N, C-alpha and C. Protein backbone atom coordinates (compact mmCIF):
# COMPACT_ATOMS: atom_id res chain seq x y z
N MET A 1 142.70 -12.29 180.14
CA MET A 1 142.24 -13.08 179.22
C MET A 1 140.67 -13.25 179.62
N GLY A 2 139.54 -13.80 178.60
CA GLY A 2 137.90 -13.88 179.01
C GLY A 2 137.75 -15.07 179.71
N LYS A 3 136.96 -14.81 180.27
CA LYS A 3 136.48 -15.73 181.57
C LYS A 3 134.91 -16.61 180.61
N VAL A 4 135.44 -18.03 180.81
CA VAL A 4 133.54 -18.62 180.60
C VAL A 4 132.75 -18.83 181.83
N VAL A 5 131.47 -18.24 181.10
CA VAL A 5 130.48 -18.08 182.36
C VAL A 5 129.62 -19.08 182.20
N LEU A 6 129.18 -20.17 183.08
CA LEU A 6 128.31 -20.56 182.46
C LEU A 6 126.90 -20.63 183.17
N LYS A 7 125.53 -20.51 182.77
CA LYS A 7 124.70 -20.44 183.41
C LYS A 7 123.55 -21.26 183.33
N VAL A 8 122.84 -21.97 184.28
CA VAL A 8 121.98 -22.77 184.40
C VAL A 8 120.72 -22.95 184.01
N LEU A 9 119.76 -23.17 182.73
CA LEU A 9 118.30 -22.92 182.64
C LEU A 9 117.70 -23.67 183.24
N ASP A 10 116.48 -23.16 183.21
CA ASP A 10 115.13 -23.81 184.27
C ASP A 10 114.99 -25.17 182.97
N SER A 11 115.22 -26.60 183.92
CA SER A 11 114.71 -27.36 183.02
C SER A 11 113.46 -27.96 182.11
N PRO A 12 113.24 -27.63 181.02
CA PRO A 12 111.58 -27.64 180.76
C PRO A 12 111.51 -29.55 180.96
N ASN A 13 110.57 -29.41 181.03
CA ASN A 13 109.35 -31.04 180.60
C ASN A 13 109.00 -31.01 179.82
N VAL A 14 108.06 -32.02 179.62
CA VAL A 14 106.94 -32.05 178.42
C VAL A 14 106.12 -30.73 178.23
N ASN A 15 105.86 -30.62 179.15
CA ASN A 15 104.88 -29.14 178.99
C ASN A 15 105.19 -28.21 178.02
N PHE A 16 104.48 -27.86 177.19
CA PHE A 16 104.52 -27.19 175.85
C PHE A 16 104.87 -25.38 176.38
N SER A 17 104.18 -25.06 177.22
CA SER A 17 104.12 -23.90 177.73
C SER A 17 105.57 -23.61 178.55
N SER A 18 106.31 -24.59 179.29
CA SER A 18 107.40 -24.21 180.04
C SER A 18 108.83 -24.42 178.70
N LEU A 19 108.56 -25.10 177.53
CA LEU A 19 109.61 -25.33 176.75
C LEU A 19 109.62 -24.19 176.01
N LYS A 20 108.69 -23.46 175.68
CA LYS A 20 108.66 -22.15 175.64
C LYS A 20 108.91 -21.04 176.54
N GLY A 21 108.98 -20.87 177.71
CA GLY A 21 109.50 -20.41 178.43
C GLY A 21 111.38 -20.24 178.70
N ALA A 22 111.53 -21.30 178.44
CA ALA A 22 112.89 -21.83 178.61
C ALA A 22 113.65 -21.51 177.63
N ALA A 23 113.36 -21.28 175.87
CA ALA A 23 113.58 -21.37 174.72
C ALA A 23 113.69 -19.79 174.93
N ALA A 24 112.39 -18.87 175.77
CA ALA A 24 112.73 -17.77 175.66
C ALA A 24 114.17 -17.40 176.52
N GLN A 25 114.20 -18.20 177.54
CA GLN A 25 115.50 -17.65 178.46
C GLN A 25 116.61 -18.07 177.73
N LEU A 26 116.71 -18.97 176.79
CA LEU A 26 118.19 -19.40 176.29
C LEU A 26 118.34 -18.34 175.13
N LEU A 27 117.23 -18.19 174.22
CA LEU A 27 117.51 -16.79 173.38
C LEU A 27 118.13 -15.50 174.30
N SER A 28 117.56 -15.22 175.28
CA SER A 28 117.70 -13.91 175.87
C SER A 28 119.15 -14.12 176.65
N HIS A 29 119.73 -15.68 177.28
CA HIS A 29 120.88 -15.11 177.39
C HIS A 29 122.26 -15.37 176.24
N LEU A 30 122.20 -15.95 175.28
CA LEU A 30 122.83 -15.74 174.40
C LEU A 30 122.35 -14.45 173.37
N GLY A 31 121.78 -13.35 173.82
CA GLY A 31 121.56 -12.62 172.94
C GLY A 31 121.32 -12.24 171.87
N ILE A 32 119.74 -13.06 171.46
CA ILE A 32 119.38 -13.30 170.26
C ILE A 32 118.38 -13.01 170.41
N SER A 33 117.49 -12.07 168.99
CA SER A 33 116.29 -11.52 169.17
C SER A 33 115.55 -12.51 169.09
N PRO A 34 114.26 -12.76 170.00
CA PRO A 34 113.37 -13.79 170.01
C PRO A 34 112.39 -13.96 168.63
N LYS A 35 113.13 -13.78 167.45
CA LYS A 35 112.36 -14.00 166.28
C LYS A 35 111.51 -15.21 165.88
N PRO A 36 110.51 -16.03 165.44
CA PRO A 36 109.72 -17.17 165.37
C PRO A 36 111.08 -17.85 164.85
N GLU A 37 111.84 -17.99 164.15
CA GLU A 37 112.45 -18.94 163.35
C GLU A 37 114.13 -19.41 164.81
N ALA A 38 114.13 -18.45 165.70
CA ALA A 38 115.08 -18.19 166.68
C ALA A 38 114.49 -19.53 167.85
N THR A 39 113.14 -19.12 167.98
CA THR A 39 112.36 -19.79 169.11
C THR A 39 112.20 -20.94 168.59
N SER A 40 111.67 -20.96 167.21
CA SER A 40 111.82 -22.21 166.94
C SER A 40 112.79 -23.42 167.18
N LEU A 41 113.96 -22.82 166.30
CA LEU A 41 115.16 -23.62 167.00
C LEU A 41 115.67 -24.05 168.22
N ALA A 42 115.34 -22.85 169.19
CA ALA A 42 115.68 -22.93 170.66
C ALA A 42 114.72 -24.09 171.30
N GLU A 43 113.66 -23.87 171.29
CA GLU A 43 112.66 -25.03 171.51
C GLU A 43 112.75 -26.70 170.57
N TYR A 44 113.56 -26.50 169.58
CA TYR A 44 114.30 -28.14 168.91
C TYR A 44 114.98 -28.45 169.58
N LEU A 45 116.39 -27.53 170.13
CA LEU A 45 117.33 -27.69 170.63
C LEU A 45 117.18 -28.63 172.31
N LEU A 46 116.17 -27.76 172.52
CA LEU A 46 115.99 -28.20 174.84
C LEU A 46 115.23 -29.46 174.49
N LYS A 47 114.07 -29.05 173.21
CA LYS A 47 113.62 -30.88 173.26
C LYS A 47 114.04 -31.54 172.94
N ASN A 48 114.97 -31.83 172.42
CA ASN A 48 115.69 -32.97 171.54
C ASN A 48 116.81 -32.91 172.78
N GLN A 49 117.21 -32.17 173.71
CA GLN A 49 118.35 -32.20 174.68
C GLN A 49 119.40 -31.64 173.87
N LEU A 50 119.70 -31.54 173.00
CA LEU A 50 121.04 -31.26 172.47
C LEU A 50 121.61 -30.00 172.67
N GLN A 51 123.11 -30.25 172.64
CA GLN A 51 124.11 -29.99 173.09
C GLN A 51 124.74 -28.86 172.82
N LEU A 52 124.89 -27.32 173.17
CA LEU A 52 125.18 -26.35 172.71
C LEU A 52 126.76 -25.65 172.61
């Protein structure tokens, strides 16, 4: 059986540059290439604290 491994991401604050960094980290953990569309979606999910 497979195991679920949870990873903790650095929590972004309102600062735009840290949000970009956290979005890049999220995409990296998910194995998604950092295309502009994927980055925008990751930033939106993190900014609005939506669960993945």
